[in-house]
Amino acid sequence: QLRLVESGGGLVQPGGSLRLSCTASGFTLDTYVIGWFRQAPGKEREGVVCISSDGGTRNTADAVKGRFTISRDNAKNTVYLQMNNLKPDDTAVYFCAAGTGWKTVQGACVILDPDYWGQGTPVTVSL
């Protein structure tokens, strides 16, 4: 079965950190652009950060710049999202997607014609 699987979400206090993982099952990630997106309750899905297939290019949304970092380990078929200094506004379900490219809309990346989406992992930032 071809799919992306996210993991690593949970409950964390403000100022804390989490590392999310996005692992491909049934295919290899090394030729895909990968993006992390999030959707908070009652809000539209928004782009968080994207990374090129070779890891050399990234796009990070202003809301998380300086706090969130994307990286990839193609040997492990996994992309990571390191989230530091988390804020209550970061509370959302986080998804990863794989595609062949991205465009930037108001500073946030949008995967073009994504081939795969994960099921999402919830992140709650609260005392």
Foldseek 3Di string as FASTA:
>chain_A
DWAKAKDWADEAAAQAKIKMKIATDPDFQLQWKKWKWWDDPPGDIFTAKIAHSVRPDMFGAPVQPPFWDWGDDRVRSMIMIIGGRDDQVPWTWMKMFIANDWDADNRGTDHDPTPYMYPTDTHGYHD
